[in-house]
């Protein structure tokens, strides 16, 4: 039951983009085309999940036992940077077209605050289930990271579809481009706010 609550909460109720506002830069930058948004969502999903697992293990078995908790943020940033480099190399070999489409936003996953935000949240925040608060174990942390990244991808893909649709419609000149995109995001955030009563 806890895993189900983590999944529903992370994807819909506490969506990292629409309620926590983390990872907005690539969200607005890559969401012009559905194909690019899907590729970016996949890359972010992979990096968030893998980075969370690795940073959790480093924190639990290296930083905390040796009293190096103060190096947490720096260590996490270095781990995330290395993982993004790995994803970039793999994408360049496997899918050069997706690599070209993502352009500058692929290296920007390194500085995507959503990746670091999830990693830090997992090791510092106490989660409440059934009235009891506790820190997440590795399995719960992995589920939380995967569900959060799926929520990120869901929001990005929905937004990309809406932007493609808006591009074909007659939008007033004052609202073309970024203004209508921001209005659309705010309406999406209000729609996701409706899921709050579920949990």
N, C-alpha and C. Protein backbone atom coordinates (compact mmCIF):
# COMPACT_ATOMS: atom_id res chain seq x y z
N UNK A 1 0.82 -1.20 0.00
CA UNK A 1 0.00 0.00 0.00
C UNK A 1 0.86 1.26 0.00
N UNK A 2 2.01 1.21 0.73
CA UNK A 2 2.89 2.38 0.77
C UNK A 2 3.42 2.72 -0.61
N UNK A 3 3.77 1.70 -1.38
CA UNK A 3 4.32 1.95 -2.71
C UNK A 3 3.27 2.59 -3.61
N UNK A 4 2.03 2.13 -3.49
CA UNK A 4 0.94 2.72 -4.27
C UNK A 4 0.75 4.19 -3.91
N UNK A 5 0.80 4.50 -2.62
CA UNK A 5 0.67 5.89 -2.17
C UNK A 5 1.83 6.75 -2.68
N UNK A 6 3.04 6.18 -2.67
CA UNK A 6 4.20 6.91 -3.18
C UNK A 6 4.02 7.22 -4.65
N UNK A 7 3.57 6.23 -5.43
CA UNK A 7 3.42 6.40 -6.87
C UNK A 7 2.36 7.46 -7.20
N UNK A 8 1.16 7.32 -6.62
CA UNK A 8 0.08 8.26 -6.90
C UNK A 8 0.44 9.67 -6.44
N UNK A 9 1.03 9.76 -5.26
CA UNK A 9 1.42 11.06 -4.72
C UNK A 9 2.48 11.73 -5.59
N UNK A 10 3.48 10.97 -6.02
CA UNK A 10 4.59 11.55 -6.79
C UNK A 10 4.18 11.95 -8.20
N UNK A 11 3.31 11.18 -8.83
CA UNK A 11 2.92 11.49 -10.21
C UNK A 11 1.88 12.59 -10.26
N UNK A 12 0.86 12.49 -9.44
CA UNK A 12 -0.27 13.41 -9.58
C UNK A 12 -0.34 14.51 -8.52
N UNK A 13 -0.27 14.13 -7.25
CA UNK A 13 -0.52 15.10 -6.17
C UNK A 13 0.65 16.06 -6.00
N UNK A 14 1.87 15.53 -5.89
CA UNK A 14 3.06 16.36 -5.70
C UNK A 14 3.93 16.34 -6.94
N UNK A 15 3.34 16.59 -8.11
CA UNK A 15 4.09 16.58 -9.36
C UNK A 15 5.25 17.55 -9.25
N UNK A 16 6.43 17.06 -9.59
CA UNK A 16 7.64 17.85 -9.38
C UNK A 16 7.66 19.13 -10.22
N UNK A 17 7.02 19.11 -11.37
CA UNK A 17 6.96 20.31 -12.22
C UNK A 17 5.82 21.24 -11.83
N UNK A 18 4.65 20.69 -11.62
CA UNK A 18 3.46 21.52 -11.50
C UNK A 18 3.13 21.93 -10.07
N UNK A 19 3.72 21.25 -9.07
CA UNK A 19 3.45 21.69 -7.70
C UNK A 19 4.72 22.09 -6.96
N UNK A 20 5.86 21.52 -7.36
CA UNK A 20 7.12 21.88 -6.72
C UNK A 20 7.97 22.82 -7.57
N UNK A 21 7.62 22.97 -8.84
CA UNK A 21 8.27 23.89 -9.78
C UNK A 21 9.77 23.64 -9.93
N UNK A 22 10.16 22.38 -9.94
CA UNK A 22 11.55 22.02 -10.19
C UNK A 22 11.70 21.53 -11.62
N UNK A 23 12.74 21.94 -12.30
CA UNK A 23 12.99 21.49 -13.67
C UNK A 23 12.22 22.27 -14.73
N UNK A 24 11.95 23.52 -14.46
CA UNK A 24 11.14 24.33 -15.38
C UNK A 24 11.88 24.69 -16.67
N UNK A 25 13.19 24.93 -16.59
CA UNK A 25 13.96 25.38 -17.77
C UNK A 25 13.84 24.40 -18.95
N UNK A 26 14.20 23.11 -18.78
CA UNK A 26 14.02 22.20 -19.91
C UNK A 26 12.55 21.95 -20.24
N UNK A 27 11.69 22.08 -19.24
CA UNK A 27 10.25 21.90 -19.45
C UNK A 27 9.74 22.90 -20.48
N UNK A 28 10.13 24.15 -20.35
CA UNK A 28 9.69 25.18 -21.30
C UNK A 28 10.50 25.14 -22.58
N UNK A 29 11.78 24.74 -22.49
CA UNK A 29 12.65 24.78 -23.65
C UNK A 29 12.49 23.65 -24.63
N UNK A 30 12.16 22.46 -24.17
CA UNK A 30 12.13 21.28 -25.04
C UNK A 30 10.71 20.87 -25.41
N UNK A 31 9.72 21.55 -24.90
CA UNK A 31 8.35 21.09 -25.08
C UNK A 31 7.66 21.63 -26.32
N UNK A 32 8.42 22.12 -27.30
CA UNK A 32 7.79 22.60 -28.54
C UNK A 32 7.27 21.47 -29.41
N UNK A 33 7.99 20.33 -29.39
CA UNK A 33 7.60 19.18 -30.19
C UNK A 33 7.40 17.98 -29.28
N UNK A 34 6.39 17.19 -29.58
CA UNK A 34 6.06 16.02 -28.77
C UNK A 34 7.19 14.99 -28.79
N UNK A 35 7.82 14.79 -29.94
CA UNK A 35 8.89 13.78 -30.03
C UNK A 35 10.09 14.18 -29.17
N UNK A 36 10.46 15.46 -29.20
CA UNK A 36 11.58 15.92 -28.39
C UNK A 36 11.26 15.84 -26.91
N UNK A 37 10.03 16.22 -26.56
CA UNK A 37 9.61 16.16 -25.16
C UNK A 37 9.62 14.73 -24.65
N UNK A 38 9.21 13.78 -25.48
CA UNK A 38 9.21 12.38 -25.09
C UNK A 38 10.63 11.87 -24.85
N UNK A 39 11.54 12.24 -25.76
CA UNK A 39 12.94 11.85 -25.59
C UNK A 39 13.56 12.44 -24.34
N UNK A 40 13.30 13.72 -24.12
CA UNK A 40 13.84 14.38 -22.93
C UNK A 40 13.26 13.77 -21.66
N UNK A 41 11.97 13.44 -21.69
CA UNK A 41 11.32 12.81 -20.53
C UNK A 41 11.98 11.47 -20.21
N UNK A 42 12.26 10.71 -21.24
CA UNK A 42 12.93 9.42 -21.04
C UNK A 42 14.32 9.58 -20.44
N UNK A 43 15.07 10.56 -20.96
CA UNK A 43 16.42 10.80 -20.45
C UNK A 43 16.37 11.27 -18.99
N UNK A 44 15.45 12.19 -18.69
CA UNK A 44 15.32 12.70 -17.31
C UNK A 44 14.85 11.58 -16.38
N UNK A 45 13.93 10.74 -16.85
CA UNK A 45 13.43 9.62 -16.04
C UNK A 45 14.58 8.68 -15.68
N UNK A 46 15.39 8.35 -16.66
CA UNK A 46 16.52 7.46 -16.43
C UNK A 46 17.52 8.08 -15.46
N UNK A 47 17.85 9.36 -15.68
CA UNK A 47 18.86 10.03 -14.85
C UNK A 47 18.36 10.22 -13.42
N UNK A 48 17.09 10.64 -13.25
CA UNK A 48 16.56 10.83 -11.89
C UNK A 48 16.57 9.52 -11.11
N UNK A 49 16.10 8.45 -11.74
CA UNK A 49 16.03 7.16 -11.04
C UNK A 49 17.42 6.64 -10.70
N UNK A 50 18.31 6.63 -11.69
CA UNK A 50 19.65 6.13 -11.46
C UNK A 50 20.41 7.00 -10.46
N UNK A 51 20.29 8.33 -10.61
CA UNK A 51 20.99 9.25 -9.70
C UNK A 51 20.49 9.09 -8.27
N UNK A 52 19.21 8.88 -8.09
CA UNK A 52 18.67 8.72 -6.75
C UNK A 52 19.18 7.45 -6.09
N UNK A 53 19.22 6.37 -6.84
CA UNK A 53 19.73 5.10 -6.29
C UNK A 53 21.20 5.25 -5.90
N UNK A 54 22.00 5.81 -6.81
CA UNK A 54 23.44 5.94 -6.55
C UNK A 54 23.71 6.90 -5.39
N UNK A 55 23.04 8.05 -5.40
CA UNK A 55 23.26 9.04 -4.32
C UNK A 55 22.77 8.50 -2.97
N UNK A 56 21.68 7.73 -2.99
CA UNK A 56 21.19 7.12 -1.74
C UNK A 56 22.25 6.18 -1.17
N UNK A 57 22.81 5.33 -2.02
CA UNK A 57 23.82 4.38 -1.56
C UNK A 57 25.09 5.09 -1.09
N UNK A 58 25.52 6.11 -1.84
CA UNK A 58 26.71 6.87 -1.43
C UNK A 58 26.47 7.55 -0.09
N UNK A 59 25.27 8.12 0.07
CA UNK A 59 24.95 8.81 1.32
C UNK A 59 24.92 7.84 2.50
N UNK A 60 24.24 6.70 2.32
CA UNK A 60 24.06 5.74 3.42
C UNK A 60 25.35 5.01 3.80
N UNK A 61 26.16 4.66 2.80
CA UNK A 61 27.30 3.79 3.07
C UNK A 61 28.66 4.47 2.98
N UNK A 62 28.69 5.76 2.61
CA UNK A 62 29.96 6.46 2.53
C UNK A 62 29.95 7.77 3.32
N UNK A 63 28.99 8.63 3.00
CA UNK A 63 28.99 9.95 3.64
C UNK A 63 28.61 9.89 5.12
N UNK A 64 27.48 9.28 5.45
CA UNK A 64 27.01 9.25 6.84
C UNK A 64 27.93 8.45 7.77
N UNK A 65 28.37 7.24 7.40
CA UNK A 65 29.24 6.48 8.32
C UNK A 65 30.56 7.18 8.64
N UNK A 66 31.09 7.96 7.69
CA UNK A 66 32.37 8.63 7.91
C UNK A 66 32.21 10.10 8.34
N UNK A 67 30.96 10.49 8.67
CA UNK A 67 30.72 11.85 9.14
C UNK A 67 30.94 12.91 8.08
N UNK A 68 30.67 12.57 6.83
CA UNK A 68 30.88 13.50 5.72
C UNK A 68 29.57 14.03 5.15
N UNK A 69 28.54 14.09 5.98
CA UNK A 69 27.23 14.57 5.53
C UNK A 69 27.26 15.97 4.97
N UNK A 70 28.23 16.79 5.40
CA UNK A 70 28.33 18.16 4.90
C UNK A 70 28.75 18.22 3.43
N UNK A 71 29.26 17.11 2.89
CA UNK A 71 29.65 17.04 1.48
C UNK A 71 28.52 16.53 0.58
N UNK A 72 27.36 16.34 1.17
CA UNK A 72 26.24 15.72 0.46
C UNK A 72 25.92 16.40 -0.87
N UNK A 73 25.70 17.71 -0.86
CA UNK A 73 25.30 18.42 -2.08
C UNK A 73 26.39 18.34 -3.14
N UNK A 74 27.63 18.55 -2.76
CA UNK A 74 28.74 18.50 -3.73
C UNK A 74 28.87 17.10 -4.31
N UNK A 75 28.81 16.08 -3.46
CA UNK A 75 28.92 14.70 -3.93
C UNK A 75 27.79 14.36 -4.88
N UNK A 76 26.57 14.78 -4.54
CA UNK A 76 25.42 14.49 -5.39
C UNK A 76 25.56 15.17 -6.75
N UNK A 77 26.02 16.40 -6.78
CA UNK A 77 26.20 17.12 -8.04
C UNK A 77 27.22 16.41 -8.92
N UNK A 78 28.33 15.95 -8.33
CA UNK A 78 29.35 15.23 -9.11
C UNK A 78 28.81 13.92 -9.65
N UNK A 79 28.04 13.19 -8.84
CA UNK A 79 27.45 11.93 -9.29
C UNK A 79 26.48 12.17 -10.44
N UNK A 80 25.63 13.19 -10.31
CA UNK A 80 24.66 13.50 -11.36
C UNK A 80 25.36 13.91 -12.64
N UNK A 81 26.42 14.72 -12.54
CA UNK A 81 27.18 15.14 -13.73
C UNK A 81 27.77 13.94 -14.46
N UNK A 82 28.31 13.00 -13.70
CA UNK A 82 28.89 11.80 -14.31
C UNK A 82 27.82 10.95 -14.99
N UNK A 83 26.67 10.81 -14.36
CA UNK A 83 25.58 10.02 -14.96
C UNK A 83 25.05 10.67 -16.24
N UNK A 84 24.95 12.00 -16.23
CA UNK A 84 24.46 12.70 -17.44
C UNK A 84 25.46 12.52 -18.59
N UNK A 85 26.75 12.58 -18.29
CA UNK A 85 27.76 12.34 -19.32
C UNK A 85 27.59 10.94 -19.92
N UNK A 86 27.31 9.97 -19.05
CA UNK A 86 27.10 8.60 -19.51
C UNK A 86 25.88 8.51 -20.43
N UNK A 87 24.76 9.16 -20.03
CA UNK A 87 23.55 9.16 -20.85
C UNK A 87 23.81 9.83 -22.19
N UNK A 88 24.57 10.92 -22.16
CA UNK A 88 24.89 11.64 -23.40
C UNK A 88 25.69 10.76 -24.36
N UNK A 89 26.67 10.05 -23.85
CA UNK A 89 27.48 9.16 -24.70
C UNK A 89 26.63 8.04 -25.28
N UNK A 90 25.77 7.45 -24.45
CA UNK A 90 24.90 6.35 -24.91
C UNK A 90 23.92 6.85 -25.97
N UNK A 91 23.29 8.02 -25.73
CA UNK A 91 22.33 8.55 -26.71
C UNK A 91 23.00 8.89 -28.03
N UNK A 92 24.22 9.40 -27.97
CA UNK A 92 24.95 9.76 -29.19
C UNK A 92 25.20 8.53 -30.04
N UNK A 93 25.45 7.38 -29.38
CA UNK A 93 25.70 6.13 -30.11
C UNK A 93 24.40 5.48 -30.59
N UNK A 94 23.39 5.43 -29.70
CA UNK A 94 22.16 4.69 -29.99
C UNK A 94 21.20 5.48 -30.87
N UNK A 95 20.98 6.77 -30.57
CA UNK A 95 19.99 7.57 -31.29
C UNK A 95 20.55 8.96 -31.60
N UNK A 96 21.35 9.08 -32.67
CA UNK A 96 21.93 10.38 -33.01
C UNK A 96 20.87 11.45 -33.31
N UNK A 97 19.73 11.05 -33.87
CA UNK A 97 18.69 12.04 -34.18
C UNK A 97 18.10 12.64 -32.90
N UNK A 98 17.85 11.80 -31.90
CA UNK A 98 17.35 12.30 -30.61
C UNK A 98 18.42 13.14 -29.92
N UNK A 99 19.67 12.72 -30.05
CA UNK A 99 20.78 13.48 -29.47
C UNK A 99 20.84 14.88 -30.07
N UNK A 100 20.67 14.97 -31.39
CA UNK A 100 20.67 16.28 -32.07
C UNK A 100 19.44 17.10 -31.69
N UNK A 101 18.28 16.44 -31.59
CA UNK A 101 17.04 17.15 -31.27
C UNK A 101 17.08 17.75 -29.86
N UNK A 102 17.69 17.02 -28.92
CA UNK A 102 17.76 17.52 -27.55
C UNK A 102 18.76 18.66 -27.43
N UNK A 103 19.79 18.64 -28.28
CA UNK A 103 20.74 19.74 -28.33
C UNK A 103 21.34 20.10 -26.98
N UNK A 104 21.28 21.37 -26.66
CA UNK A 104 21.89 21.91 -25.44
C UNK A 104 21.17 21.43 -24.18
N UNK A 105 19.93 20.97 -24.31
CA UNK A 105 19.17 20.59 -23.13
C UNK A 105 19.61 19.27 -22.52
N UNK A 106 20.30 18.45 -23.30
CA UNK A 106 20.82 17.19 -22.74
C UNK A 106 21.90 17.45 -21.69
N UNK A 107 22.93 18.25 -21.99
CA UNK A 107 23.89 18.56 -20.92
C UNK A 107 23.25 19.35 -19.77
N UNK A 108 22.17 20.05 -20.06
CA UNK A 108 21.51 20.82 -19.01
C UNK A 108 20.80 19.95 -17.98
N UNK A 109 20.64 18.65 -18.27
CA UNK A 109 20.09 17.75 -17.26
C UNK A 109 20.99 17.77 -16.02
N UNK A 110 22.29 18.02 -16.26
CA UNK A 110 23.23 18.11 -15.14
C UNK A 110 22.81 19.18 -14.15
N UNK A 111 22.33 20.31 -14.67
CA UNK A 111 21.93 21.42 -13.81
C UNK A 111 20.42 21.46 -13.61
N UNK A 112 19.72 20.42 -14.04
CA UNK A 112 18.28 20.36 -13.83
C UNK A 112 18.03 20.14 -12.33
N UNK A 113 17.43 21.14 -11.72
CA UNK A 113 17.24 21.08 -10.27
C UNK A 113 16.29 19.95 -9.86
N UNK A 114 15.52 19.41 -10.79
CA UNK A 114 14.63 18.30 -10.46
C UNK A 114 15.44 17.07 -10.07
N UNK A 115 16.54 16.82 -10.77
CA UNK A 115 17.37 15.64 -10.49
C UNK A 115 17.99 15.75 -9.10
N UNK A 116 18.61 16.89 -8.84
CA UNK A 116 19.22 17.09 -7.52
C UNK A 116 18.16 17.18 -6.43
N UNK A 117 17.03 17.80 -6.75
CA UNK A 117 15.94 17.95 -5.77
C UNK A 117 15.41 16.61 -5.30
N UNK A 118 15.21 15.68 -6.22
CA UNK A 118 14.72 14.34 -5.85
C UNK A 118 15.76 13.61 -5.01
N UNK A 119 17.02 13.69 -5.43
CA UNK A 119 18.08 13.00 -4.70
C UNK A 119 18.19 13.51 -3.26
N UNK A 120 18.12 14.81 -3.07
CA UNK A 120 18.22 15.39 -1.73
C UNK A 120 16.95 15.10 -0.92
N UNK A 121 15.79 15.18 -1.56
CA UNK A 121 14.53 14.90 -0.86
C UNK A 121 14.51 13.49 -0.29
N UNK A 122 15.00 12.54 -1.07
CA UNK A 122 14.97 11.13 -0.65
C UNK A 122 15.79 10.90 0.62
N UNK A 123 16.92 11.60 0.75
CA UNK A 123 17.79 11.33 1.90
C UNK A 123 17.55 12.26 3.09
N UNK A 124 16.75 13.32 2.89
CA UNK A 124 16.56 14.27 4.00
C UNK A 124 15.13 14.36 4.53
N UNK A 125 14.15 14.13 3.66
CA UNK A 125 12.76 14.34 4.07
C UNK A 125 12.17 13.08 4.70
N UNK A 126 11.41 13.28 5.75
CA UNK A 126 10.66 12.17 6.34
C UNK A 126 9.29 12.09 5.67
N UNK A 127 8.92 10.90 5.25
CA UNK A 127 7.64 10.69 4.59
C UNK A 127 6.65 10.09 5.59
N UNK A 128 5.38 10.46 5.47
CA UNK A 128 4.36 9.98 6.41
C UNK A 128 3.42 9.01 5.71
N UNK A 129 3.32 7.81 6.26
CA UNK A 129 2.39 6.79 5.76
C UNK A 129 1.62 6.23 6.93
N UNK A 130 0.30 6.30 6.87
CA UNK A 130 -0.54 5.76 7.95
C UNK A 130 -0.28 6.42 9.29
N UNK A 131 0.04 7.70 9.27
CA UNK A 131 0.26 8.44 10.50
C UNK A 131 1.66 8.31 11.08
N UNK A 132 2.51 7.45 10.48
CA UNK A 132 3.88 7.28 10.97
C UNK A 132 4.87 7.90 9.99
N UNK A 133 5.83 8.65 10.52
CA UNK A 133 6.86 9.26 9.68
C UNK A 133 8.12 8.40 9.72
N UNK A 134 8.75 8.25 8.58
CA UNK A 134 10.03 7.54 8.52
C UNK A 134 10.78 7.94 7.26
N UNK A 135 12.08 7.70 7.29
CA UNK A 135 12.92 7.92 6.12
C UNK A 135 12.70 6.75 5.14
N UNK A 136 12.88 7.02 3.87
CA UNK A 136 12.66 5.98 2.87
C UNK A 136 13.82 4.98 2.86
N UNK A 137 13.48 3.69 2.67
CA UNK A 137 14.53 2.71 2.44
C UNK A 137 14.87 2.72 0.95
N UNK A 138 15.81 1.89 0.52
CA UNK A 138 16.27 1.92 -0.87
C UNK A 138 15.16 1.61 -1.86
N UNK A 139 14.34 0.61 -1.56
CA UNK A 139 13.24 0.24 -2.47
C UNK A 139 12.24 1.38 -2.59
N UNK A 140 11.85 1.97 -1.45
CA UNK A 140 10.90 3.09 -1.48
C UNK A 140 11.51 4.30 -2.19
N UNK A 141 12.80 4.53 -1.98
CA UNK A 141 13.47 5.65 -2.63
C UNK A 141 13.49 5.47 -4.15
N UNK A 142 13.72 4.24 -4.58
CA UNK A 142 13.73 3.95 -6.02
C UNK A 142 12.35 4.14 -6.62
N UNK A 143 11.32 3.64 -5.94
CA UNK A 143 9.94 3.81 -6.42
C UNK A 143 9.57 5.30 -6.46
N UNK A 144 9.96 6.03 -5.41
CA UNK A 144 9.68 7.46 -5.35
C UNK A 144 10.36 8.19 -6.51
N UNK A 145 11.64 7.87 -6.78
CA UNK A 145 12.37 8.52 -7.87
C UNK A 145 11.76 8.19 -9.22
N UNK A 146 11.41 6.93 -9.43
CA UNK A 146 10.81 6.52 -10.70
C UNK A 146 9.45 7.19 -10.89
N UNK A 147 8.62 7.19 -9.85
CA UNK A 147 7.29 7.80 -9.94
C UNK A 147 7.39 9.31 -10.14
N UNK A 148 8.33 9.96 -9.47
CA UNK A 148 8.51 11.40 -9.63
C UNK A 148 8.94 11.72 -11.05
N UNK A 149 9.86 10.92 -11.58
CA UNK A 149 10.32 11.17 -12.96
C UNK A 149 9.21 10.86 -13.97
N UNK A 150 8.36 9.88 -13.68
CA UNK A 150 7.22 9.61 -14.57
C UNK A 150 6.23 10.78 -14.52
N UNK A 151 6.06 11.37 -13.34
CA UNK A 151 5.23 12.57 -13.22
C UNK A 151 5.80 13.72 -14.03
N UNK A 152 7.12 13.87 -14.00
CA UNK A 152 7.81 14.88 -14.80
C UNK A 152 7.53 14.65 -16.28
N UNK A 153 7.71 13.38 -16.70
CA UNK A 153 7.48 13.04 -18.10
C UNK A 153 6.04 13.24 -18.52
N UNK A 154 5.10 12.85 -17.66
CA UNK A 154 3.68 13.04 -17.97
C UNK A 154 3.35 14.50 -18.19
N UNK A 155 3.82 15.35 -17.27
CA UNK A 155 3.55 16.79 -17.39
C UNK A 155 4.19 17.35 -18.66
N UNK A 156 5.42 16.92 -18.97
CA UNK A 156 6.11 17.45 -20.15
C UNK A 156 5.43 17.00 -21.44
N UNK A 157 5.03 15.74 -21.51
CA UNK A 157 4.39 15.23 -22.73
C UNK A 157 3.01 15.87 -22.93
N UNK A 158 2.23 15.99 -21.86
CA UNK A 158 0.94 16.68 -21.96
C UNK A 158 1.12 18.11 -22.43
N UNK A 159 2.10 18.80 -21.86
CA UNK A 159 2.36 20.19 -22.21
C UNK A 159 2.83 20.31 -23.66
N UNK A 160 3.68 19.38 -24.11
CA UNK A 160 4.14 19.41 -25.50
C UNK A 160 2.99 19.21 -26.47
N UNK A 161 2.07 18.30 -26.15
CA UNK A 161 0.89 18.10 -26.99
C UNK A 161 0.03 19.35 -27.06
N UNK A 162 -0.14 20.01 -25.91
CA UNK A 162 -0.92 21.25 -25.89
C UNK A 162 -0.23 22.36 -26.69
N UNK A 163 1.10 22.43 -26.59
CA UNK A 163 1.82 23.47 -27.33
C UNK A 163 1.76 23.23 -28.84
N UNK A 164 1.83 21.95 -29.25
CA UNK A 164 1.68 21.65 -30.68
C UNK A 164 0.30 22.05 -31.17
N UNK A 165 -0.71 21.78 -30.35
CA UNK A 165 -2.08 22.15 -30.70
C UNK A 165 -2.24 23.67 -30.76
N UNK A 166 -1.65 24.36 -29.81
CA UNK A 166 -1.73 25.83 -29.78
C UNK A 166 -1.03 26.46 -30.98
N UNK A 167 0.04 25.82 -31.45
CA UNK A 167 0.79 26.36 -32.59
C UNK A 167 -0.06 26.38 -33.86
N UNK A 168 -1.05 25.48 -33.94
CA UNK A 168 -1.93 25.43 -35.12
C UNK A 168 -3.15 26.33 -34.99
N UNK A 169 -3.38 26.88 -33.80
CA UNK A 169 -4.54 27.73 -33.57
C UNK A 169 -4.19 29.21 -33.70
N UNK A 170 -5.23 30.02 -33.82
CA UNK A 170 -5.05 31.46 -33.95
C UNK A 170 -5.00 32.09 -32.56
N UNK A 171 -3.79 32.26 -32.05
CA UNK A 171 -3.59 32.85 -30.73
C UNK A 171 -3.36 34.35 -30.93
N UNK A 172 -3.98 35.20 -30.10
CA UNK A 172 -3.74 36.65 -30.23
C UNK A 172 -2.24 36.96 -30.18
N UNK A 173 -1.82 37.96 -30.94
CA UNK A 173 -0.41 38.28 -31.10
C UNK A 173 0.29 38.51 -29.75
N UNK A 174 -0.38 39.16 -28.82
CA UNK A 174 0.22 39.46 -27.52
C UNK A 174 0.50 38.20 -26.70
N UNK A 175 -0.22 37.12 -27.00
CA UNK A 175 -0.07 35.89 -26.22
C UNK A 175 0.77 34.82 -26.91
N UNK A 176 1.23 35.07 -28.15
CA UNK A 176 2.00 34.06 -28.89
C UNK A 176 3.31 33.74 -28.18
N UNK A 177 3.70 32.49 -28.26
CA UNK A 177 4.98 32.07 -27.70
C UNK A 177 4.91 31.77 -26.21
N UNK A 178 5.83 32.37 -25.47
CA UNK A 178 5.96 32.09 -24.05
C UNK A 178 4.75 32.50 -23.21
N UNK A 179 4.09 33.64 -23.48
CA UNK A 179 2.92 33.99 -22.63
C UNK A 179 1.82 32.93 -22.63
N UNK A 180 1.46 32.42 -23.80
CA UNK A 180 0.40 31.41 -23.84
C UNK A 180 0.90 30.09 -23.23
N UNK A 181 2.21 29.84 -23.35
CA UNK A 181 2.78 28.64 -22.73
C UNK A 181 2.67 28.72 -21.21
N UNK A 182 2.98 29.87 -20.64
CA UNK A 182 2.89 30.03 -19.19
C UNK A 182 1.45 29.97 -18.70
N UNK A 183 0.53 30.52 -19.48
CA UNK A 183 -0.89 30.43 -19.12
C UNK A 183 -1.34 28.96 -19.14
N UNK A 184 -0.89 28.23 -20.15
CA UNK A 184 -1.23 26.82 -20.27
C UNK A 184 -0.68 26.02 -19.09
N UNK A 185 0.56 26.30 -18.70
CA UNK A 185 1.17 25.60 -17.56
C UNK A 185 0.38 25.89 -16.28
N UNK A 186 -0.03 27.14 -16.11
CA UNK A 186 -0.78 27.48 -14.89
C UNK A 186 -2.12 26.76 -14.84
N UNK A 187 -2.77 26.61 -15.97
CA UNK A 187 -4.04 25.87 -16.02
C UNK A 187 -3.80 24.38 -15.75
N UNK A 188 -2.70 23.84 -16.29
CA UNK A 188 -2.34 22.45 -16.00
C UNK A 188 -2.08 22.25 -14.51
N UNK A 189 -1.36 23.20 -13.89
CA UNK A 189 -1.06 23.09 -12.46
C UNK A 189 -2.34 23.10 -11.64
N UNK A 190 -3.31 23.94 -12.04
CA UNK A 190 -4.59 23.96 -11.33
C UNK A 190 -5.35 22.66 -11.52
N UNK A 191 -5.24 22.07 -12.72
CA UNK A 191 -5.90 20.79 -12.98
C UNK A 191 -5.30 19.69 -12.11
N UNK A 192 -3.96 19.66 -11.99
CA UNK A 192 -3.30 18.66 -11.15
C UNK A 192 -3.59 18.90 -9.68
N UNK A 193 -3.89 20.14 -9.31
CA UNK A 193 -4.25 20.44 -7.93
C UNK A 193 -5.52 19.71 -7.52
N UNK A 194 -6.35 19.36 -8.50
CA UNK A 194 -7.58 18.62 -8.22
C UNK A 194 -7.32 17.22 -7.69
N UNK A 195 -6.09 16.68 -7.89
CA UNK A 195 -5.76 15.35 -7.38
C UNK A 195 -5.41 15.36 -5.90
N UNK A 196 -5.31 16.55 -5.30
CA UNK A 196 -4.88 16.66 -3.91
C UNK A 196 -5.75 15.85 -2.95
N UNK A 197 -7.03 15.79 -3.18
CA UNK A 197 -7.93 15.08 -2.26
C UNK A 197 -7.85 13.57 -2.34
N UNK A 198 -7.12 13.02 -3.31
CA UNK A 198 -7.03 11.57 -3.47
C UNK A 198 -6.33 10.93 -2.28
N UNK A 199 -5.25 11.57 -1.83
CA UNK A 199 -4.43 10.97 -0.76
C UNK A 199 -4.50 11.83 0.48
